[in-house]
Amino acid sequence: MGIDTVEGTKNGTKTGKYVYSIRSVQTGGALVEQEDPLHWRRAYEASRLTGLGELIGVIVSAEDENRNVFSTPGWKPASRQDNPSDDDVLDVEAMDEAGLLLELDTDFNDDATPELRVTPRRGQEDDETESARPIVAMLFSAEGEEYALCPSGTNGGCGGDNPDAEFSDSHAKVYITEITLNGGDASARLSRVDDAQFALQAGNLAQGRHEVVYKAVDEAGNEAEGEFAFSVVARGAYEIDISPGWNLISVPGTPVDPSLNAVIPPSGGISAVMSYQDSNWLTAAVDEDGSWRGSLTEIEAGYGYWVYATSFATVAPLIPEPETTSLPPTVRVNHGWNLLGVIDLFQNAAGKAPGAGDGDGEADNYFGSFDWRVAYTFDGQYHRWVRIAPEDDKDDEEEDDDEPPEIVNGRGYWVWSAEPGTLVP
């Protein structure tokens, strides 16, 4: 039988509970092969089970010598003469526990193209990376969604704006049987993330094109093979746009060459740079000879920098890939005012929140490792101050999902701390 699904309601409000019923019935006929007095069987051609849906329910009824009627869990006849019919209510949980839900799995990953990408990505390109030690992510997400009971009338199956099905694919596991990287066996570098997701540690790779070839099989024995080509490209500079006048900026990582001359060439329209570090001002200005002069000689991650420009400019340092075997950077915080920068191991673009995925721009999270009380940043494009307060000090207003993040890469922040501490990004 096919199974219909609707979300139950109470007083006109959806309850989040499902109500299951029979959508259509195919009569299978008597079980004709007897193993012993209590065990019977019959084989059916899978090709005949059409029009019942992705997840099929099975009901078996029996009579003993005294005409006592029995039915398998999940459906009860109103009387001994009744047979299953459309709209009869089902207990699908009981059917599931009794092994009476059937999936006819004939496609690997629901015949969908798997999601293959290299990470960290270069921009939004799934097949380009600037990392010499990338990971190839392999996701067969459709494998676990091939068979499910979804509410009637939904578009695009379960999930999304629709509630997830309570009963779904019972054999959603994928196995990688062979995998090579540039023609060599890479199975020792492959790790399983979950039933349908894998991560391939590509190792140290030279710049250029690389190819992964794999063979896979699901629990039902469906096989598939595929390939994924990606490129390791030269590491690009990290760009921070500068507007005429004063700008308050920072870099997400200490540049390969942190010298002021290398990070901000004195001929690029920027004439002064200042930073407040460990309660001391460090400054540099371009002299008559066109060279930097002053106590500020290097640009480091973790600090904010005031930059004065006479025209639009771009600061574009080369920042190295974070070392996985090194301790993440921290910054000492003093009591009082500190001019701090945004450190981001993921090196998201300037103007984007730091952190994995879309990042986390919450000030309470970024400054949460010390007792901060208030922060200010300066928007150089509009020449205005922006005040940021801890969450506890904000008015109880409904959060707006469209609000921009409070902490973004490329900016510097004046932060008041009530006591000495450490910024742990």
Protein backbone atom coordinates (compact mmCIF):
# COMPACT_ATOMS: atom_id res chain seq x y z
CA MET A 1 0.00 0.00 0.00
CA GLY A 2 0.97 3.64 -0.52
CA ILE A 3 0.95 5.90 2.52
CA ASP A 4 -0.56 9.37 2.68
CA THR A 5 0.72 11.95 5.18
CA VAL A 6 -0.86 15.09 6.58
CA GLU A 7 0.12 17.26 9.49
CA GLY A 8 -2.47 17.10 12.21
CA THR A 9 -4.31 20.16 13.49
CA LYS A 10 -6.02 21.10 16.75
CA ASN A 11 -8.45 23.99 16.84
CA GLY A 12 -7.20 25.02 13.44
CA THR A 13 -3.52 25.09 14.48
CA LYS A 14 -0.93 22.65 13.17
CA THR A 15 0.36 20.37 15.89
CA GLY A 16 3.60 19.21 14.31
CA LYS A 17 2.30 15.63 14.55
CA TYR A 18 1.65 13.50 11.49
CA VAL A 19 -1.46 11.55 10.62
CA TYR A 20 -0.89 8.61 8.27
CA SER A 21 -3.43 6.79 6.15
CA ILE A 22 -3.60 4.41 3.22
CA ARG A 23 -3.37 6.18 -0.15
CA SER A 24 -3.74 3.16 -2.41
CA VAL A 25 -3.76 -0.60 -2.05
CA GLN A 26 -2.41 -3.46 -4.14
CA THR A 27 -3.53 -6.93 -3.16
CA GLY A 28 -0.63 -9.31 -3.10
CA GLY A 29 -2.47 -12.60 -2.84
CA ALA A 30 -1.99 -15.45 -0.44
CA LEU A 31 1.41 -16.55 0.80
CA VAL A 32 1.87 -19.91 -0.83
CA GLU A 33 5.27 -21.19 0.29
CA GLN A 34 5.09 -22.83 3.68
CA GLU A 35 8.27 -23.37 5.68
CA ASP A 36 6.54 -24.87 8.72
CA PRO A 37 3.06 -24.60 10.30
CA LEU A 38 3.70 -21.00 11.40
CA HIS A 39 5.93 -19.58 8.66
CA TRP A 40 4.87 -18.71 5.11
CA ARG A 41 6.40 -16.69 2.31
CA ARG A 42 5.88 -15.43 -1.21
CA ALA A 43 8.06 -13.50 -3.65
CA TYR A 44 6.77 -10.49 -5.62
CA GLU A 45 8.26 -8.77 -8.64
CA ALA A 46 9.47 -5.30 -7.66
CA SER A 47 8.57 -3.99 -11.11
CA ARG A 48 4.88 -4.60 -10.32
CA LEU A 49 4.95 -2.34 -7.26
CA THR A 50 4.23 0.90 -9.08
CA GLY A 51 2.23 3.96 -8.12
CA LEU A 52 2.53 3.37 -4.40
CA GLY A 53 5.11 6.07 -3.65
CA GLU A 54 8.66 6.02 -2.37
CA LEU A 55 7.98 4.35 0.96
CA ILE A 56 5.64 1.36 0.78
CA GLY A 57 3.73 -0.22 3.66
CA VAL A 58 3.05 -3.94 3.97
CA ILE A 59 0.07 -5.53 5.70
CA VAL A 60 -0.32 -9.27 6.11
CA SER A 61 -3.57 -10.79 7.42
CA ALA A 62 -4.09 -14.38 8.54
CA GLU A 63 -6.72 -16.77 9.91
CA ASP A 64 -6.22 -19.74 12.15
CA GLU A 65 -8.25 -22.97 12.05
CA ASN A 66 -10.98 -21.39 14.16
CA ARG A 67 -11.34 -18.39 11.81
CA ASN A 68 -9.69 -16.03 14.28
CA VAL A 69 -8.34 -13.08 12.23
CA PHE A 70 -4.91 -11.58 12.80
CA SER A 71 -3.19 -8.63 11.08
CA THR A 72 0.36 -7.38 11.29
CA PRO A 73 1.00 -4.20 13.33
CA GLY A 74 -0.06 -0.83 12.01
CA TRP A 75 -3.57 -1.57 10.75
CA LYS A 76 -6.59 -3.17 12.41
CA PRO A 77 -9.70 -4.37 10.60
CA ALA A 78 -13.02 -3.05 11.90
CA SER A 79 -14.40 -6.57 11.49
CA ARG A 80 -13.07 -9.93 10.37
CA GLN A 81 -14.35 -9.45 6.85
CA ASP A 82 -12.64 -6.08 6.27
CA ASN A 83 -9.65 -5.62 4.00
CA PRO A 84 -7.33 -2.58 3.93
CA SER A 85 -8.81 0.29 1.91
CA ASP A 86 -8.03 3.90 1.02
CA ASP A 87 -8.09 6.43 3.88
CA ASP A 88 -7.76 3.80 6.61
CA VAL A 89 -5.64 5.25 9.43
CA LEU A 90 -2.21 3.68 9.98
CA ASP A 91 0.19 3.42 12.91
CA VAL A 92 3.36 3.83 10.89
CA GLU A 93 5.59 3.74 13.98
CA ALA A 94 4.32 0.24 14.76
CA MET A 95 4.83 -0.78 11.13
CA ASP A 96 8.37 0.58 11.23
CA GLU A 97 9.21 -1.32 14.41
CA ALA A 98 7.82 -4.51 12.84
CA GLY A 99 9.90 -4.06 9.68
CA LEU A 100 6.86 -3.51 7.48
CA LEU A 101 8.06 -0.40 5.61
CA LEU A 102 9.57 -1.22 2.24
CA GLU A 103 11.96 0.81 0.09
CA LEU A 104 12.74 -0.23 -3.47
CA ASP A 105 16.15 1.42 -3.86
CA THR A 106 17.25 1.26 -7.48
CA ASP A 107 19.22 4.53 -7.77
CA PHE A 108 22.48 5.63 -6.18
CA ASN A 109 22.05 9.01 -4.43
CA ASP A 110 18.56 9.25 -5.96
CA ASP A 111 20.32 9.59 -9.34
CA ALA A 112 21.44 13.08 -8.27
CA THR A 113 24.89 14.56 -8.85
CA PRO A 114 26.87 14.47 -5.59
CA GLU A 115 28.18 17.70 -4.08
CA LEU A 116 31.95 17.82 -4.50
CA ARG A 117 34.00 20.84 -3.54
CA VAL A 118 37.45 21.82 -2.38
CA THR A 119 37.89 23.72 0.88
CA PRO A 120 39.03 26.32 1.71
CA ARG A 121 37.58 27.74 -1.48
CA ARG A 122 38.91 30.64 -3.48
CA GLY A 123 35.99 33.06 -3.36
CA GLN A 124 32.84 31.17 -4.36
CA GLU A 125 34.57 28.71 -6.68
CA ASP A 126 34.02 25.10 -5.57
CA ASP A 127 36.93 23.89 -7.72
CA GLU A 128 39.63 26.47 -6.85
CA THR A 129 41.70 26.88 -3.71
CA GLU A 130 44.68 28.92 -2.62
CA SER A 131 45.60 26.32 0.00
CA ALA A 132 48.48 23.91 -0.50
CA ARG A 133 46.76 21.55 1.97
CA PRO A 134 43.13 21.51 0.82
CA ILE A 135 40.36 19.09 1.69
CA VAL A 136 37.99 17.66 -0.89
CA ALA A 137 34.50 17.47 0.60
CA MET A 138 32.25 14.75 -0.84
CA LEU A 139 28.55 14.89 0.04
CA PHE A 140 25.94 12.42 -1.21
CA SER A 141 23.08 14.28 0.45
CA ALA A 142 20.29 12.85 -1.72
CA GLU A 143 21.06 9.29 -0.56
CA GLY A 144 19.35 9.83 2.80
CA GLU A 145 16.32 11.54 1.27
CA GLU A 146 15.32 9.03 -1.38
CA TYR A 147 12.46 7.58 0.63
CA ALA A 148 10.36 9.58 3.05
CA LEU A 149 6.83 10.26 4.20
CA CYS A 150 6.13 13.93 3.56
CA PRO A 151 2.96 15.93 4.23
CA SER A 152 0.61 16.03 1.28
CA GLY A 153 0.67 19.13 -0.89
CA THR A 154 4.29 20.07 -0.14
CA ASN A 155 6.57 21.15 -2.93
CA GLY A 156 10.06 19.80 -3.24
CA GLY A 157 9.71 17.02 -0.71
CA CYS A 158 10.49 17.19 3.01
CA GLY A 159 12.69 19.77 4.68
CA GLY A 160 13.12 23.43 3.86
CA ASP A 161 10.00 25.29 4.88
CA ASN A 162 8.24 21.96 5.44
CA PRO A 163 8.69 19.82 8.53
CA ASP A 164 11.00 16.85 8.18
CA ALA A 165 9.46 13.44 7.73
CA GLU A 166 9.25 11.23 10.78
CA PHE A 167 10.05 8.16 8.69
CA SER A 168 12.70 8.32 6.01
CA ASP A 169 15.39 6.35 4.23
CA SER A 170 16.53 3.43 6.41
CA HIS A 171 19.61 2.66 4.30
CA ALA A 172 21.22 6.04 3.71
CA LYS A 173 24.84 4.97 4.10
CA VAL A 174 27.37 5.33 1.28
CA TYR A 175 30.68 3.49 0.97
CA ILE A 176 33.67 4.70 -1.07
CA THR A 177 35.18 1.53 -2.50
CA GLU A 178 38.00 3.16 -4.49
CA ILE A 179 39.46 6.66 -4.60
CA THR A 180 42.54 8.09 -6.29
CA LEU A 181 44.19 11.52 -6.34
CA ASN A 182 46.17 12.27 -9.47
CA GLY A 183 46.20 8.54 -10.27
CA GLY A 184 47.51 7.37 -6.88
CA ASP A 185 45.55 5.48 -4.24
CA ALA A 186 44.16 8.02 -1.76
CA SER A 187 42.02 5.74 0.41
CA ALA A 188 44.31 6.23 3.44
CA ARG A 189 43.60 9.96 3.33
CA LEU A 190 39.82 9.54 3.23
CA SER A 191 37.75 9.95 6.39
CA ARG A 192 34.03 9.50 6.95
CA VAL A 193 32.13 12.50 8.34
CA ASP A 194 28.72 10.85 8.51
CA ASP A 195 26.67 8.27 6.60
CA ALA A 196 26.83 10.18 3.32
CA GLN A 197 29.71 12.65 3.72
CA PHE A 198 33.46 12.21 3.35
CA ALA A 199 36.56 14.38 3.59
CA LEU A 200 39.69 13.70 1.54
CA GLN A 201 42.88 15.19 2.98
CA ALA A 202 44.67 16.13 -0.21
CA GLY A 203 48.06 16.80 1.46
CA ASN A 204 50.73 19.15 0.18
CA LEU A 205 49.89 19.98 -3.43
CA ALA A 206 51.70 22.06 -6.00
CA GLN A 207 49.92 24.77 -7.90
CA GLY A 208 48.03 23.42 -10.88
CA ARG A 209 45.21 21.06 -11.78
CA HIS A 210 44.43 17.95 -9.69
CA GLU A 211 41.88 15.16 -10.15
CA VAL A 212 40.00 12.90 -7.78
CA VAL A 213 38.40 9.71 -9.18
CA TYR A 214 36.15 7.54 -7.02
CA LYS A 215 33.84 4.53 -6.99
CA ALA A 216 31.01 4.24 -4.47
CA VAL A 217 28.18 1.93 -3.49
CA ASP A 218 25.11 2.39 -1.29
CA GLU A 219 23.63 -0.11 1.17
CA ALA A 220 21.24 -1.44 -1.46
CA GLY A 221 24.16 -2.31 -3.73
CA ASN A 222 23.68 0.50 -6.27
CA GLU A 223 27.06 1.54 -7.64
CA ALA A 224 28.34 4.83 -8.98
CA GLU A 225 31.61 6.35 -10.09
CA GLY A 226 32.70 9.90 -10.71
CA GLU A 227 35.51 12.40 -10.80
CA PHE A 228 36.26 15.86 -9.53
CA ALA A 229 38.94 18.20 -10.84
CA PHE A 230 40.15 21.23 -8.92
CA SER A 231 42.98 23.74 -9.13
CA VAL A 232 45.47 25.03 -6.58
CA VAL A 233 46.15 28.64 -7.55
CA ALA A 234 48.62 31.25 -6.36
CA ARG A 235 47.65 32.90 -3.11
CA GLY A 236 46.14 36.32 -3.73
CA ALA A 237 46.55 39.49 -1.73
CA TYR A 238 44.02 40.41 0.95
CA GLU A 239 42.35 43.63 -0.16
CA ILE A 240 41.03 46.39 2.11
CA ASP A 241 39.51 49.44 0.44
CA ILE A 242 40.53 52.85 1.78
CA SER A 243 38.47 56.04 1.41
CA PRO A 244 39.86 59.59 1.41
CA GLY A 245 40.39 60.82 4.97
CA TRP A 246 40.79 58.70 8.08
CA ASN A 247 40.05 54.95 8.05
CA LEU A 248 40.19 52.50 10.96
CA ILE A 249 41.38 49.13 9.61
CA SER A 250 42.96 45.81 10.56
CA VAL A 251 44.28 42.68 8.87
CA PRO A 252 42.94 39.16 9.66
CA GLY A 253 46.44 37.67 9.83
CA THR A 254 49.99 38.99 10.09
CA PRO A 255 51.28 39.50 6.51
CA VAL A 256 54.10 37.42 5.03
CA ASP A 257 56.16 40.61 5.05
CA PRO A 258 54.74 42.70 7.91
CA SER A 259 56.96 45.73 7.30
CA LEU A 260 55.05 48.97 6.81
CA ASN A 261 56.78 49.54 3.47
CA ALA A 262 55.57 46.18 2.15
CA VAL A 263 52.00 46.39 3.47
CA ILE A 264 51.37 50.07 2.70
CA PRO A 265 53.79 51.42 0.07
CA PRO A 266 54.41 55.15 0.75
CA SER A 267 53.56 56.06 -2.85
CA GLY A 268 49.98 54.69 -2.76
CA GLY A 269 48.08 57.78 -1.65
CA ILE A 270 48.30 56.98 2.08
CA SER A 271 50.33 59.50 4.04
CA ALA A 272 49.93 58.57 7.73
CA VAL A 273 49.37 55.46 9.85
CA MET A 274 48.84 55.26 13.62
CA SER A 275 48.20 52.46 16.11
CA TYR A 276 47.60 52.31 19.85
CA GLN A 277 49.31 49.24 21.28
CA ASP A 278 49.91 48.36 24.95
CA SER A 279 48.84 51.87 25.99
CA ASN A 280 51.34 53.53 23.65
CA TRP A 281 50.87 55.39 20.37
CA LEU A 282 52.93 54.22 17.39
CA THR A 283 52.92 56.52 14.37
CA ALA A 284 54.42 56.78 10.89
CA ALA A 285 54.19 59.43 8.21
CA VAL A 286 55.55 59.87 4.70
CA ASP A 287 58.43 62.37 4.71
CA GLU A 288 59.63 64.71 1.98
CA ASP A 289 61.71 61.90 0.46
CA GLY A 290 58.60 59.73 0.05
CA SER A 291 59.63 57.26 2.78
CA TRP A 292 57.95 56.18 5.99
CA ARG A 293 59.33 57.72 9.15
CA GLY A 294 58.24 57.09 12.73
CA SER A 295 57.88 54.51 15.50
CA LEU A 296 55.36 52.32 13.63
CA THR A 297 57.31 49.89 11.44
CA GLU A 298 55.12 46.78 11.12
CA ILE A 299 51.47 45.84 10.56
CA GLU A 300 50.35 42.90 12.72
CA ALA A 301 47.13 40.96 13.21
CA GLY A 302 45.13 41.80 16.31
CA TYR A 303 45.63 45.56 16.30
CA GLY A 304 43.66 48.38 14.73
CA TYR A 305 45.32 51.03 12.55
CA TRP A 306 44.30 54.56 11.73
CA VAL A 307 45.13 55.19 8.07
CA TYR A 308 44.93 58.61 6.42
CA ALA A 309 44.55 58.74 2.63
CA THR A 310 44.39 61.67 0.23
CA SER A 311 42.53 59.59 -2.38
CA PHE A 312 40.83 56.24 -2.76
CA ALA A 313 43.37 53.45 -2.24
CA THR A 314 43.66 49.73 -1.51
CA VAL A 315 45.78 48.04 1.14
CA ALA A 316 46.67 44.63 -0.29
CA PRO A 317 49.05 42.57 1.88
CA LEU A 318 49.83 38.91 1.21
CA ILE A 319 48.65 36.97 4.26
CA PRO A 320 49.92 33.39 4.68
CA GLU A 321 47.66 30.40 5.11
CA PRO A 322 47.19 29.67 8.85
CA GLU A 323 49.43 26.89 10.10
CA THR A 324 47.39 24.00 11.44
CA THR A 325 50.17 22.97 13.86
CA SER A 326 50.64 26.44 15.38
CA LEU A 327 48.78 28.00 18.28
CA PRO A 328 46.05 30.39 17.12
CA PRO A 329 46.93 34.06 17.70
CA THR A 330 45.81 36.03 20.76
CA VAL A 331 46.17 39.69 21.77
CA ARG A 332 46.90 41.16 25.19
CA VAL A 333 44.16 43.49 26.43
CA ASN A 334 44.85 46.28 28.94
CA HIS A 335 42.50 47.92 31.41
CA GLY A 336 40.87 50.86 29.67
CA TRP A 337 40.95 51.60 25.95
CA ASN A 338 42.44 49.16 23.44
CA LEU A 339 42.66 49.57 19.66
CA LEU A 340 41.98 46.02 18.48
CA GLY A 341 41.77 44.38 15.09
CA VAL A 342 39.78 41.42 13.76
CA ILE A 343 41.72 38.16 13.55
CA ASP A 344 40.11 35.56 11.31
CA LEU A 345 41.65 32.15 10.69
CA PHE A 346 39.19 31.71 7.82
CA GLN A 347 40.32 35.00 6.26
CA ASN A 348 36.88 35.97 5.04
CA ALA A 349 36.77 39.00 2.77
CA ALA A 350 36.96 42.52 4.19
CA GLY A 351 33.49 43.63 5.26
CA LYS A 352 32.41 40.06 6.05
CA ALA A 353 32.03 38.61 9.53
CA PRO A 354 34.91 36.45 10.79
CA GLY A 355 34.49 32.72 11.32
CA ALA A 356 33.36 29.56 9.54
CA GLY A 357 30.60 29.58 6.97
CA ASP A 358 28.92 32.99 6.88
CA GLY A 359 30.91 33.95 9.96
CA ASP A 360 29.76 35.22 13.34
CA GLY A 361 29.59 38.99 13.67
CA GLU A 362 28.32 39.12 17.25
CA ALA A 363 30.50 41.42 19.34
CA ASP A 364 29.73 39.43 22.50
CA ASN A 365 31.24 36.37 20.86
CA TYR A 366 34.30 38.07 19.38
CA PHE A 367 35.16 40.08 22.54
CA GLY A 368 33.77 37.43 24.90
CA SER A 369 37.15 36.34 26.27
CA PHE A 370 37.58 39.55 28.34
CA ASP A 371 35.39 41.96 30.32
CA TRP A 372 34.54 44.47 27.60
CA ARG A 373 32.04 47.27 28.22
CA VAL A 374 31.74 49.23 24.97
CA ALA A 375 33.32 49.36 21.52
CA TYR A 376 33.52 51.89 18.69
CA THR A 377 34.51 51.55 15.09
CA PHE A 378 34.83 54.24 12.43
CA ASP A 379 33.15 53.91 9.07
CA GLY A 380 35.64 55.57 6.72
CA GLN A 381 33.29 55.48 3.75
CA TYR A 382 30.64 57.61 5.51
CA HIS A 383 33.01 59.24 8.05
CA ARG A 384 30.92 58.26 11.07
CA TRP A 385 31.38 56.52 14.39
CA VAL A 386 29.51 53.28 15.14
CA ARG A 387 28.90 52.36 18.79
CA ILE A 388 28.62 48.71 19.86
CA ALA A 389 27.39 47.62 23.29
CA PRO A 390 27.29 44.19 24.97
CA GLU A 391 24.04 42.30 24.51
CA ASP A 392 23.06 42.81 28.18
CA ASP A 393 23.14 46.60 27.73
CA LYS A 394 20.92 46.69 24.64
CA ASP A 395 17.25 47.53 24.67
CA ASP A 396 14.87 44.58 24.48
CA GLU A 397 14.05 44.96 20.81
CA GLU A 398 13.19 42.27 18.35
CA GLU A 399 16.28 41.18 16.43
CA ASP A 400 16.37 42.04 12.77
CA ASP A 401 17.89 39.33 10.59
CA ASP A 402 18.82 42.01 8.06
CA GLU A 403 20.99 43.92 10.56
CA PRO A 404 24.64 43.99 9.43
CA PRO A 405 27.18 42.14 11.58
CA GLU A 406 28.78 44.17 14.39
CA ILE A 407 32.27 42.77 13.86
CA VAL A 408 33.66 42.50 10.34
CA ASN A 409 37.03 41.76 8.81
CA GLY A 410 39.19 44.67 7.75
CA ARG A 411 38.02 47.05 10.50
CA GLY A 412 39.60 48.21 13.75
CA TYR A 413 37.73 48.72 17.05
CA TRP A 414 38.26 50.91 20.08
CA VAL A 415 37.28 48.62 22.97
CA TRP A 416 37.06 49.48 26.69
CA SER A 417 37.97 46.65 29.05
CA ALA A 418 37.17 46.76 32.78
CA GLU A 419 40.29 44.75 33.58
CA PRO A 420 43.37 43.30 31.88
CA GLY A 421 42.69 40.24 29.78
CA THR A 422 43.30 38.48 26.47
CA LEU A 423 41.47 38.68 23.18
CA VAL A 424 40.95 35.10 22.04
CA PRO A 425 39.24 35.41 18.61
